[in-house]
Structure formats: structure tokens, C-alpha cells
Amino acid sequence: MTDLSDFRRVAGGDNFLCVVATGRSDGSVQASLVNAGVLADPLRGVDVVAFVVRGDARKGANFRARPRATVVAQAS
């Protein structure tokens, strides 16, 4: 676990390309390459890791059903 300033620094080293892993209903993992960054949560106003997802993408549906994810960033 790292703090958000570390995440922002590391993710920025690779143009904010990250791997996001979400859980499927059968317990398996679905992983995708996404753009991610640190933004203020619009409801709570606190900084969170956010990622871009198309409205009908499985990762979005997985995350809405089971709101946990792992985000992996690397610096090139």
C-alpha cells in the first residue's frame, strides 16, 4: 500500500497507464490496461485513484457490483 502522492509520482512516470484488476462474480480476476490518476471524489471530496472506463465495460460493472480493485502502476 502506498499513499496517493507516491501513486501520482509513479503512475506519471508511465503516462498514467496502469493495470486495474476487479473481481468477477465467480471470484476470478479481470484485469485491464487503463488510464488512471488521482482525482477528488465528487461525492465525498477526498482524493481517490480514478480510472477511465467505457460505460458498458465489464470492469465498470464488476467494480459497481464489488467495489474493490487493485491498481498497479510502474515508472519506466
Protein backbone atom coordinates (compact mmCIF):
# COMPACT_ATOMS: atom_id res chain seq x y z
CA MET A 1 0.00 0.00 0.00
CA THR A 2 1.27 3.45 -0.87
CA ASP A 3 -0.07 6.93 -0.40
CA LEU A 4 -1.63 8.93 -3.20
CA SER A 5 1.34 11.23 -3.72
CA ASP A 6 3.54 8.16 -4.33
CA PHE A 7 0.92 6.73 -6.70
CA ARG A 8 0.72 10.02 -8.64
CA ARG A 9 4.52 10.16 -8.98
CA VAL A 10 4.94 6.53 -10.07
CA ALA A 11 1.94 6.45 -12.41
CA GLY A 12 3.07 9.71 -14.02
CA GLY A 13 6.33 8.03 -14.97
CA ASP A 14 4.41 5.85 -17.45
CA ASN A 15 1.87 8.44 -18.66
CA PHE A 16 -0.67 7.24 -16.08
CA LEU A 17 -1.11 3.87 -17.80
CA CYS A 18 -1.99 1.34 -15.10
CA VAL A 19 -3.41 -2.14 -14.75
CA VAL A 20 -6.70 -2.32 -12.85
CA ALA A 21 -7.92 -5.67 -11.54
CA THR A 22 -11.53 -6.19 -10.48
CA GLY A 23 -13.34 -9.29 -9.27
CA ARG A 24 -15.83 -11.20 -11.38
CA SER A 25 -18.95 -12.76 -9.89
CA ASP A 26 -17.29 -16.22 -9.99
CA GLY A 27 -14.35 -14.92 -7.92
CA SER A 28 -11.86 -14.80 -10.78
CA VAL A 29 -9.95 -11.64 -11.65
CA GLN A 30 -10.50 -9.40 -14.66
CA ALA A 31 -7.54 -7.12 -15.42
CA SER A 32 -7.26 -4.30 -17.94
CA LEU A 33 -4.82 -1.62 -19.00
CA VAL A 34 -6.40 1.79 -18.26
CA ASN A 35 -5.57 5.43 -17.75
CA ALA A 36 -5.69 6.22 -14.04
CA GLY A 37 -4.96 9.20 -11.89
CA VAL A 38 -5.74 10.94 -8.62
CA LEU A 39 -8.95 13.00 -8.55
CA ALA A 40 -11.30 14.34 -5.91
CA ASP A 41 -14.28 12.02 -5.33
CA PRO A 42 -17.29 14.09 -6.46
CA LEU A 43 -19.46 12.87 -3.57
CA ARG A 44 -17.02 12.89 -0.68
CA GLY A 45 -14.47 15.47 -1.85
CA VAL A 46 -11.47 13.36 -0.84
CA ASP A 47 -8.72 12.35 -3.24
CA VAL A 48 -9.04 8.84 -4.72
CA VAL A 49 -7.49 6.82 -7.53
CA ALA A 50 -9.80 7.10 -10.54
CA PHE A 51 -9.65 5.24 -13.83
CA VAL A 52 -11.24 5.70 -17.22
CA VAL A 53 -13.82 3.11 -18.22
CA ARG A 54 -16.35 2.95 -21.04
CA GLY A 55 -19.94 2.77 -19.75
CA ASP A 56 -20.59 -0.81 -20.88
CA ALA A 57 -17.15 -2.22 -19.98
CA ARG A 58 -17.05 -5.30 -17.74
CA LYS A 59 -14.51 -3.75 -15.37
CA GLY A 60 -17.00 -0.97 -14.59
CA ALA A 61 -19.81 -3.45 -13.96
CA ASN A 62 -17.51 -5.60 -11.81
CA PHE A 63 -16.45 -2.57 -9.78
CA ARG A 64 -20.03 -1.36 -9.25
CA ALA A 65 -21.08 -4.85 -8.09
CA ARG A 66 -17.98 -5.45 -5.93
CA PRO A 67 -16.38 -2.04 -5.16
CA ARG A 68 -12.80 -3.22 -4.66
CA ALA A 69 -9.95 -3.02 -7.13
CA THR A 70 -6.21 -3.35 -7.31
CA VAL A 71 -4.32 -0.72 -9.31
CA VAL A 72 -0.76 -1.39 -10.47
CA ALA A 73 1.42 1.46 -11.73
CA GLN A 74 5.03 1.43 -12.84
CA ALA A 75 7.57 4.06 -13.66
CA SER A 76 9.52 3.39 -16.85
